[in-house]
């Protein structure tokens, strides 16, 4: 069985893809006795989110990605119904410039948050949720561009998952990036982050779902999550005293039914 990933490979634990690669290998390895050997391959260069979706939807060049579950993705690809990020994808911390890290400490409501402009990826689920909640959003296709736009103060913050923000600071910091103090955003309903496969890849889908349930049961799923230092750092940030600003994301789930 061949899992053809629509992303480039990484061996850097700071790269978010490292965790998903690790979980994928665990799930495939766990099911070898039932499904046999497997092969994993990756594409050679980074492509846009739209392009990865097209590749997996058609099965041409790739048959697997990991992404948040949205109505659009469910229409064109087969989702593996296991949340790879537990509930941590339900909370967002704000990546800001260091001199602005105390700027949000007194914000206690959505109306207060609307004073500020967010910077998000063009294809992020976050972007749609923020816009639906009346938050001003500036977008970019490439994440490194967002970092430079933040530095130029084109917007006030970038919304990042608990599991992402420590990685961002380590990869992009020049001593000018920080996590906003005293605030955390929380979606009213969970947003799943899952593996997707080409619709015709029935056996691969069944194998992944089976393998993920097996590693959940034996504890290796949780161990893989906790092995990522930046994920643990994000959880520590989440446990600090913060005002919780809720965002309504019900439209995402309703449209996904």
C-alpha atoms as a PDB file:
ATOM      1  CA  UNK A   1       0.000   0.000   0.000  1.00  0.00           C
ATOM      2  CA  UNK A   2       1.369   3.375  -1.025  1.00  0.00           C
ATOM      3  CA  UNK A   3       0.601   6.605   0.866  1.00  0.00           C
ATOM      4  CA  UNK A   4       1.561   9.476  -1.449  1.00  0.00           C
ATOM      5  CA  UNK A   5       1.656  12.691   0.578  1.00  0.00           C
ATOM      6  CA  UNK A   6       0.905  16.037  -1.085  1.00  0.00           C
ATOM      7  CA  UNK A   7       3.499  17.781   1.089  1.00  0.00           C
ATOM      8  CA  UNK A   8       7.277  17.792   1.237  1.00  0.00           C
ATOM      9  CA  UNK A   9       8.972  15.549   3.801  1.00  0.00           C
ATOM     10  CA  UNK A  10      10.592  16.915   6.949  1.00  0.00           C
ATOM     11  CA  UNK A  11      12.787  15.534   9.713  1.00  0.00           C
ATOM     12  CA  UNK A  12      12.647  18.769  11.720  1.00  0.00           C
ATOM     13  CA  UNK A  13      10.562  18.421  14.920  1.00  0.00           C
ATOM     14  CA  UNK A  14       9.906  22.180  14.774  1.00  0.00           C
ATOM     15  CA  UNK A  15       7.992  21.720  11.520  1.00  0.00           C
ATOM     16  CA  UNK A  16       4.259  21.062  12.137  1.00  0.00           C
ATOM     17  CA  UNK A  17       4.362  18.381   9.439  1.00  0.00           C
ATOM     18  CA  UNK A  18       6.733  16.286  11.563  1.00  0.00           C
ATOM     19  CA  UNK A  19       3.950  15.352  13.991  1.00  0.00           C
ATOM     20  CA  UNK A  20       1.500  14.325  11.253  1.00  0.00           C
ATOM     21  CA  UNK A  21       4.165  12.259   9.511  1.00  0.00           C
ATOM     22  CA  UNK A  22       4.891  10.523  12.815  1.00  0.00           C
ATOM     23  CA  UNK A  23       1.236   9.726  13.484  1.00  0.00           C
ATOM     24  CA  UNK A  24       0.775   8.470   9.926  1.00  0.00           C
ATOM     25  CA  UNK A  25       3.727   6.094  10.280  1.00  0.00           C
ATOM     26  CA  UNK A  26       2.437   4.854  13.631  1.00  0.00           C
ATOM     27  CA  UNK A  27      -0.999   4.093  12.166  1.00  0.00           C
ATOM     28  CA  UNK A  28       0.432   2.281   9.131  1.00  0.00           C
ATOM     29  CA  UNK A  29       2.960   0.357  11.212  1.00  0.00           C
ATOM     30  CA  UNK A  30       0.277  -0.730  13.676  1.00  0.00           C
ATOM     31  CA  UNK A  31      -1.791  -2.281  10.900  1.00  0.00           C
ATOM     32  CA  UNK A  32       0.981  -4.191   9.097  1.00  0.00           C
ATOM     33  CA  UNK A  33      -0.213  -7.559  10.373  1.00  0.00           C
ATOM     34  CA  UNK A  34      -3.666  -6.952   8.888  1.00  0.00           C
ATOM     35  CA  UNK A  35      -2.968  -4.883   5.775  1.00  0.00           C
ATOM     36  CA  UNK A  36       0.636  -5.733   4.928  1.00  0.00           C
ATOM     37  CA  UNK A  37       3.647  -3.570   4.117  1.00  0.00           C
ATOM     38  CA  UNK A  38       3.384   0.061   3.143  1.00  0.00           C
ATOM     39  CA  UNK A  39       5.315   2.796   1.392  1.00  0.00           C
ATOM     40  CA  UNK A  40       5.281   6.538   2.064  1.00  0.00           C
ATOM     41  CA  UNK A  41       6.404   9.120  -0.482  1.00  0.00           C
ATOM     42  CA  UNK A  42       6.283  12.917  -0.662  1.00  0.00           C
ATOM     43  CA  UNK A  43       6.223  15.576  -3.368  1.00  0.00           C
ATOM     44  CA  UNK A  44       9.465  17.403  -4.161  1.00  0.00           C
ATOM     45  CA  UNK A  45       8.401  21.032  -3.726  1.00  0.00           C
ATOM     46  CA  UNK A  46       5.847  23.036  -1.783  1.00  0.00           C
ATOM     47  CA  UNK A  47       2.616  23.835  -3.629  1.00  0.00           C
ATOM     48  CA  UNK A  48      -0.449  25.891  -2.675  1.00  0.00           C
ATOM     49  CA  UNK A  49      -3.262  24.513  -0.510  1.00  0.00           C
ATOM     50  CA  UNK A  50      -5.572  24.558  -3.534  1.00  0.00           C
ATOM     51  CA  UNK A  51      -3.079  22.502  -5.500  1.00  0.00           C
ATOM     52  CA  UNK A  52      -2.682  19.888  -2.751  1.00  0.00           C
ATOM     53  CA  UNK A  53      -6.462  19.518  -2.641  1.00  0.00           C
ATOM     54  CA  UNK A  54      -6.636  19.063  -6.396  1.00  0.00           C
ATOM     55  CA  UNK A  55      -3.897  16.455  -6.328  1.00  0.00           C
ATOM     56  CA  UNK A  56      -5.592  14.368  -3.650  1.00  0.00           C
ATOM     57  CA  UNK A  57      -9.102  14.823  -5.049  1.00  0.00           C
ATOM     58  CA  UNK A  58      -7.998  13.417  -8.395  1.00  0.00           C
ATOM     59  CA  UNK A  59      -5.456  10.957  -7.024  1.00  0.00           C
ATOM     60  CA  UNK A  60      -2.909  12.322  -9.479  1.00  0.00           C
ATOM     61  CA  UNK A  61       0.561  12.640  -7.916  1.00  0.00           C
ATOM     62  CA  UNK A  62      -0.780  12.265  -4.352  1.00  0.00           C
ATOM     63  CA  UNK A  63      -3.501  10.574  -2.338  1.00  0.00           C
ATOM     64  CA  UNK A  64      -3.212  11.965   1.200  1.00  0.00           C
ATOM     65  CA  UNK A  65      -3.102  15.272   3.090  1.00  0.00           C
ATOM     66  CA  UNK A  66      -3.832  16.477   6.619  1.00  0.00           C
ATOM     67  CA  UNK A  67      -5.997  19.563   7.133  1.00  0.00           C
ATOM     68  CA  UNK A  68      -8.919  20.981   9.078  1.00  0.00           C
ATOM     69  CA  UNK A  69     -12.274  19.472   8.150  1.00  0.00           C
ATOM     70  CA  UNK A  70     -14.315  21.870   6.019  1.00  0.00           C
ATOM     71  CA  UNK A  71     -17.378  21.448   3.790  1.00  0.00           C
ATOM     72  CA  UNK A  72     -15.285  22.036   0.665  1.00  0.00           C
ATOM     73  CA  UNK A  73     -12.737  19.374   1.565  1.00  0.00           C
ATOM     74  CA  UNK A  74     -15.392  16.836   2.518  1.00  0.00           C
ATOM     75  CA  UNK A  75     -17.011  17.247  -0.892  1.00  0.00           C
ATOM     76  CA  UNK A  76     -13.892  16.391  -2.856  1.00  0.00           C
ATOM     77  CA  UNK A  77     -11.893  14.091  -0.563  1.00  0.00           C
ATOM     78  CA  UNK A  78     -12.569  11.323   1.933  1.00  0.00           C
ATOM     79  CA  UNK A  79     -12.006  12.391   5.538  1.00  0.00           C
ATOM     80  CA  UNK A  80     -10.661   9.973   8.146  1.00  0.00           C
ATOM     81  CA  UNK A  81     -12.929  10.795  11.135  1.00  0.00           C
ATOM     82  CA  UNK A  82     -10.256  11.017  13.833  1.00  0.00           C
ATOM     83  CA  UNK A  83      -9.191  14.369  15.290  1.00  0.00           C
ATOM     84  CA  UNK A  84      -5.394  14.498  15.047  1.00  0.00           C
ATOM     85  CA  UNK A  85      -5.157  17.515  17.374  1.00  0.00           C
ATOM     86  CA  UNK A  86      -7.642  16.534  20.085  1.00  0.00           C
ATOM     87  CA  UNK A  87      -9.257  19.763  21.323  1.00  0.00           C
ATOM     88  CA  UNK A  88      -6.158  21.894  20.954  1.00  0.00           C
ATOM     89  CA  UNK A  89      -7.209  23.107  17.502  1.00  0.00           C
ATOM     90  CA  UNK A  90     -10.215  24.681  19.199  1.00  0.00           C
ATOM     91  CA  UNK A  91      -8.110  27.380  20.858  1.00  0.00           C
ATOM     92  CA  UNK A  92      -6.137  30.151  19.181  1.00  0.00           C
ATOM     93  CA  UNK A  93      -3.335  32.236  20.630  1.00  0.00           C
ATOM     94  CA  UNK A  94      -2.246  35.523  19.089  1.00  0.00           C
ATOM     95  CA  UNK A  95       1.211  35.945  17.571  1.00  0.00           C
ATOM     96  CA  UNK A  96       2.170  39.608  17.895  1.00  0.00           C
ATOM     97  CA  UNK A  97       5.152  41.931  17.838  1.00  0.00           C
ATOM     98  CA  UNK A  98       6.934  41.983  21.158  1.00  0.00           C
ATOM     99  CA  UNK A  99       6.127  45.622  21.858  1.00  0.00           C
ATOM    100  CA  UNK A 100       2.415  44.823  21.427  1.00  0.00           C
ATOM    101  CA  UNK A 101       2.231  41.747  23.674  1.00  0.00           C
ATOM    102  CA  UNK A 102       0.321  43.598  26.440  1.00  0.00           C
ATOM    103  CA  UNK A 103      -2.028  45.306  24.004  1.00  0.00           C
ATOM    104  CA  UNK A 104      -4.737  42.642  24.371  1.00  0.00           C
ATOM    105  CA  UNK A 105      -4.644  42.102  28.165  1.00  0.00           C
ATOM    106  CA  UNK A 106      -7.784  44.146  28.799  1.00  0.00           C
ATOM    107  CA  UNK A 107      -9.787  42.760  25.872  1.00  0.00           C
ATOM    108  CA  UNK A 108     -12.683  40.764  27.335  1.00  0.00           C
ATOM    109  CA  UNK A 109     -15.200  40.599  24.485  1.00  0.00           C
ATOM    110  CA  UNK A 110     -15.527  40.003  20.765  1.00  0.00           C
ATOM    111  CA  UNK A 111     -16.446  43.656  20.289  1.00  0.00           C
ATOM    112  CA  UNK A 112     -13.166  44.611  21.916  1.00  0.00           C
ATOM    113  CA  UNK A 113     -11.237  42.242  19.648  1.00  0.00           C
ATOM    114  CA  UNK A 114     -12.840  43.814  16.579  1.00  0.00           C
ATOM    115  CA  UNK A 115     -10.745  46.943  17.149  1.00  0.00           C
ATOM    116  CA  UNK A 116      -7.782  44.972  15.822  1.00  0.00           C
ATOM    117  CA  UNK A 117      -6.973  43.496  12.436  1.00  0.00           C
ATOM    118  CA  UNK A 118      -5.926  39.866  12.008  1.00  0.00           C
ATOM    119  CA  UNK A 119      -3.506  38.404   9.490  1.00  0.00           C
ATOM    120  CA  UNK A 120      -4.404  34.906   8.311  1.00  0.00           C
ATOM    121  CA  UNK A 121      -3.740  32.487   5.482  1.00  0.00           C
ATOM    122  CA  UNK A 122      -6.007  32.878   2.474  1.00  0.00           C
ATOM    123  CA  UNK A 123      -7.262  29.285   2.665  1.00  0.00           C
ATOM    124  CA  UNK A 124      -7.357  28.883   6.441  1.00  0.00           C
ATOM    125  CA  UNK A 125     -10.605  27.832   8.109  1.00  0.00           C
ATOM    126  CA  UNK A 126      -9.728  30.506  10.687  1.00  0.00           C
ATOM    127  CA  UNK A 127     -10.089  33.183   8.054  1.00  0.00           C
ATOM    128  CA  UNK A 128     -13.686  32.246   7.252  1.00  0.00           C
ATOM    129  CA  UNK A 129     -14.580  32.039  10.935  1.00  0.00           C
ATOM    130  CA  UNK A 130     -13.003  35.399  11.729  1.00  0.00           C
ATOM    131  CA  UNK A 131     -14.753  37.119   8.825  1.00  0.00           C
ATOM    132  CA  UNK A 132     -18.092  35.580   9.818  1.00  0.00           C
ATOM    133  CA  UNK A 133     -17.595  37.046  13.298  1.00  0.00           C
ATOM    134  CA  UNK A 134     -16.973  40.536  11.923  1.00  0.00           C
ATOM    135  CA  UNK A 135     -13.194  40.600  12.439  1.00  0.00           C
ATOM    136  CA  UNK A 136     -11.094  42.424   9.851  1.00  0.00           C
ATOM    137  CA  UNK A 137      -8.675  40.034   8.160  1.00  0.00           C
ATOM    138  CA  UNK A 138      -5.729  40.588   5.830  1.00  0.00           C
ATOM    139  CA  UNK A 139      -4.664  37.424   3.987  1.00  0.00           C
ATOM    140  CA  UNK A 140      -1.671  35.934   2.221  1.00  0.00           C
ATOM    141  CA  UNK A 141      -1.086  32.650   0.416  1.00  0.00           C
ATOM    142  CA  UNK A 142       2.355  32.120   2.010  1.00  0.00           C
ATOM    143  CA  UNK A 143       2.903  32.107   5.756  1.00  0.00           C
ATOM    144  CA  UNK A 144       6.358  33.701   5.705  1.00  0.00           C
ATOM    145  CA  UNK A 145       4.763  36.667   3.930  1.00  0.00           C
ATOM    146  CA  UNK A 146       2.327  37.012   6.843  1.00  0.00           C
ATOM    147  CA  UNK A 147       5.245  37.235   9.267  1.00  0.00           C
ATOM    148  CA  UNK A 148       6.810  40.059   7.260  1.00  0.00           C
ATOM    149  CA  UNK A 149       3.435  41.815   6.999  1.00  0.00           C
ATOM    150  CA  UNK A 150       3.090  41.572  10.781  1.00  0.00           C
ATOM    151  CA  UNK A 151       6.532  43.133  11.156  1.00  0.00           C
ATOM    152  CA  UNK A 152       5.423  45.940   8.847  1.00  0.00           C
ATOM    153  CA  UNK A 153       2.326  46.329  11.076  1.00  0.00           C
ATOM    154  CA  UNK A 154      -0.091  45.753   8.218  1.00  0.00           C
ATOM    155  CA  UNK A 155      -2.221  44.071  10.898  1.00  0.00           C
ATOM    156  CA  UNK A 156      -2.055  43.495  14.660  1.00  0.00           C
ATOM    157  CA  UNK A 157      -1.779  39.743  15.119  1.00  0.00           C
ATOM    158  CA  UNK A 158      -1.776  36.319  13.486  1.00  0.00           C
ATOM    159  CA  UNK A 159      -4.158  33.732  14.913  1.00  0.00           C
ATOM    160  CA  UNK A 160      -2.287  30.486  15.635  1.00  0.00           C
ATOM    161  CA  UNK A 161      -3.199  27.137  17.131  1.00  0.00           C
ATOM    162  CA  UNK A 162      -1.880  26.161  20.556  1.00  0.00           C
ATOM    163  CA  UNK A 163       0.195  23.521  18.764  1.00  0.00           C
ATOM    164  CA  UNK A 164       1.653  26.011  16.258  1.00  0.00           C
ATOM    165  CA  UNK A 165       2.636  29.220  17.973  1.00  0.00           C
ATOM    166  CA  UNK A 166       5.804  28.092  19.745  1.00  0.00           C
ATOM    167  CA  UNK A 167       7.090  26.645  16.462  1.00  0.00           C
ATOM    168  CA  UNK A 168       6.459  29.977  14.730  1.00  0.00           C
ATOM    169  CA  UNK A 169       8.448  31.916  17.280  1.00  0.00           C
ATOM    170  CA  UNK A 170      11.381  29.506  17.109  1.00  0.00           C
ATOM    171  CA  UNK A 171      11.437  29.484  13.308  1.00  0.00           C
ATOM    172  CA  UNK A 172      10.844  33.177  12.560  1.00  0.00           C
ATOM    173  CA  UNK A 173      11.815  35.170  15.641  1.00  0.00           C
ATOM    174  CA  UNK A 174      14.419  37.933  15.484  1.00  0.00           C
ATOM    175  CA  UNK A 175      13.691  38.937  19.053  1.00  0.00           C
ATOM    176  CA  UNK A 176      10.579  40.783  17.891  1.00  0.00           C
ATOM    177  CA  UNK A 177       7.813  38.136  18.135  1.00  0.00           C
ATOM    178  CA  UNK A 178       5.735  37.191  21.171  1.00  0.00           C
ATOM    179  CA  UNK A 179       2.475  35.628  22.321  1.00  0.00           C
ATOM    180  CA  UNK A 180      -0.170  38.174  23.309  1.00  0.00           C
ATOM    181  CA  UNK A 181      -0.691  38.173  27.072  1.00  0.00           C
ATOM    182  CA  UNK A 182      -4.044  37.668  28.778  1.00  0.00           C
ATOM    183  CA  UNK A 183      -6.144  36.479  25.829  1.00  0.00           C
ATOM    184  CA  UNK A 184      -7.119  33.247  24.091  1.00  0.00           C
ATOM    185  CA  UNK A 185      -9.708  32.726  21.366  1.00  0.00           C
ATOM    186  CA  UNK A 186     -11.983  29.709  21.586  1.00  0.00           C
ATOM    187  CA  UNK A 187     -14.294  28.288  18.953  1.00  0.00           C
ATOM    188  CA  UNK A 188     -17.735  27.480  20.301  1.00  0.00           C
ATOM    189  CA  UNK A 189     -17.672  24.095  18.592  1.00  0.00           C
ATOM    190  CA  UNK A 190     -14.671  21.839  17.857  1.00  0.00           C
ATOM    191  CA  UNK A 191     -12.955  22.022  14.474  1.00  0.00           C
ATOM    192  CA  UNK A 192     -11.527  18.650  13.529  1.00  0.00           C
ATOM    193  CA  UNK A 193      -8.086  18.314  11.963  1.00  0.00           C
ATOM    194  CA  UNK A 194      -7.808  15.038  10.094  1.00  0.00           C
ATOM    195  CA  UNK A 195      -6.219  12.995   7.351  1.00  0.00           C
ATOM    196  CA  UNK A 196      -7.929  13.137   3.943  1.00  0.00           C
ATOM    197  CA  UNK A 197      -7.460  10.622   1.147  1.00  0.00           C
ATOM    198  CA  UNK A 198      -8.500  10.299  -2.485  1.00  0.00           C
ATOM    199  CA  UNK A 199     -12.170   9.174  -2.580  1.00  0.00           C
ATOM    200  CA  UNK A 200     -11.316   5.944  -4.400  1.00  0.00           C
ATOM    201  CA  UNK A 201      -8.647   4.951  -1.843  1.00  0.00           C
ATOM    202  CA  UNK A 202     -11.073   2.875   0.236  1.00  0.00           C
ATOM    203  CA  UNK A 203      -8.505   0.426   1.593  1.00  0.00           C
ATOM    204  CA  UNK A 204      -6.108   3.190   2.635  1.00  0.00           C
ATOM    205  CA  UNK A 205      -8.947   5.029   4.377  1.00  0.00           C
ATOM    206  CA  UNK A 206     -10.006   1.907   6.273  1.00  0.00           C
ATOM    207  CA  UNK A 207      -6.416   1.160   7.255  1.00  0.00           C
ATOM    208  CA  UNK A 208      -5.782   4.656   8.563  1.00  0.00           C
ATOM    209  CA  UNK A 209      -8.976   4.766  10.608  1.00  0.00           C
ATOM    210  CA  UNK A 210      -8.222   1.355  12.085  1.00  0.00           C
ATOM    211  CA  UNK A 211      -4.601   2.248  12.830  1.00  0.00           C
ATOM    212  CA  UNK A 212      -5.480   5.577  14.453  1.00  0.00           C
ATOM    213  CA  UNK A 213      -7.977   3.892  16.756  1.00  0.00           C
ATOM    214  CA  UNK A 214      -5.359   1.292  17.705  1.00  0.00           C
ATOM    215  CA  UNK A 215      -2.723   3.878  18.622  1.00  0.00           C
ATOM    216  CA  UNK A 216      -5.339   5.825  20.550  1.00  0.00           C
ATOM    217  CA  UNK A 217      -6.102   2.738  22.605  1.00  0.00           C
ATOM    218  CA  UNK A 218      -2.487   1.800  23.334  1.00  0.00           C
ATOM    219  CA  UNK A 219      -1.447   5.351  24.252  1.00  0.00           C
ATOM    220  CA  UNK A 220       1.106   5.870  21.478  1.00  0.00           C
ATOM    221  CA  UNK A 221      -1.075   8.566  19.870  1.00  0.00           C
ATOM    222  CA  UNK A 222      -0.936  10.721  23.008  1.00  0.00           C
ATOM    223  CA  UNK A 223       2.764   9.944  23.436  1.00  0.00           C
ATOM    224  CA  UNK A 224       3.459  11.186  19.890  1.00  0.00           C
ATOM    225  CA  UNK A 225       1.697  14.465  20.670  1.00  0.00           C
ATOM    226  CA  UNK A 226       3.518  14.963  23.947  1.00  0.00           C
ATOM    227  CA  UNK A 227       6.874  14.199  22.307  1.00  0.00           C
ATOM    228  CA  UNK A 228       6.714  17.498  20.388  1.00  0.00           C
ATOM    229  CA  UNK A 229       8.286  20.119  22.661  1.00  0.00           C
ATOM    230  CA  UNK A 230       6.493  23.008  20.998  1.00  0.00           C
ATOM    231  CA  UNK A 231       3.111  21.328  21.522  1.00  0.00           C
ATOM    232  CA  UNK A 232       3.810  21.038  25.241  1.00  0.00           C
ATOM    233  CA  UNK A 233       4.903  24.681  25.297  1.00  0.00           C
ATOM    234  CA  UNK A 234       1.597  25.675  23.703  1.00  0.00           C
ATOM    235  CA  UNK A 235      -0.357  23.771  26.344  1.00  0.00           C
ATOM    236  CA  UNK A 236       1.610  25.609  29.042  1.00  0.00           C
ATOM    237  CA  UNK A 237       0.605  28.909  27.427  1.00  0.00           C
ATOM    238  CA  UNK A 238      -3.023  27.814  27.313  1.00  0.00           C
ATOM    239  CA  UNK A 239      -2.928  27.072  31.040  1.00  0.00           C
ATOM    240  CA  UNK A 240      -1.989  30.671  31.909  1.00  0.00           C
ATOM    241  CA  UNK A 241      -4.681  33.056  33.131  1.00  0.00           C
ATOM    242  CA  UNK A 242      -6.326  34.477  30.023  1.00  0.00           C
ATOM    243  CA  UNK A 243      -9.609  36.103  29.027  1.00  0.00           C
ATOM    244  CA  UNK A 244     -11.508  33.715  26.764  1.00  0.00           C
ATOM    245  CA  UNK A 245     -13.072  35.271  23.657  1.00  0.00           C
ATOM    246  CA  UNK A 246     -15.554  32.922  22.027  1.00  0.00           C
ATOM    247  CA  UNK A 247     -16.020  32.848  18.252  1.00  0.00           C
ATOM    248  CA  UNK A 248     -19.085  31.369  16.626  1.00  0.00           C
ATOM    249  CA  UNK A 249     -18.026  28.693  14.147  1.00  0.00           C
ATOM    250  CA  UNK A 250     -21.341  26.836  13.949  1.00  0.00           C
ATOM    251  CA  UNK A 251     -21.728  27.673  10.262  1.00  0.00           C
ATOM    252  CA  UNK A 252     -18.649  25.546   9.517  1.00  0.00           C
ATOM    253  CA  UNK A 253     -20.138  22.462  11.149  1.00  0.00           C
ATOM    254  CA  UNK A 254     -23.618  23.038   9.744  1.00  0.00           C
ATOM    255  CA  UNK A 255     -22.244  23.318   6.220  1.00  0.00           C
ATOM    256  CA  UNK A 256     -20.156  20.192   6.749  1.00  0.00           C
ATOM    257  CA  UNK A 257     -23.147  17.971   7.458  1.00  0.00           C
END
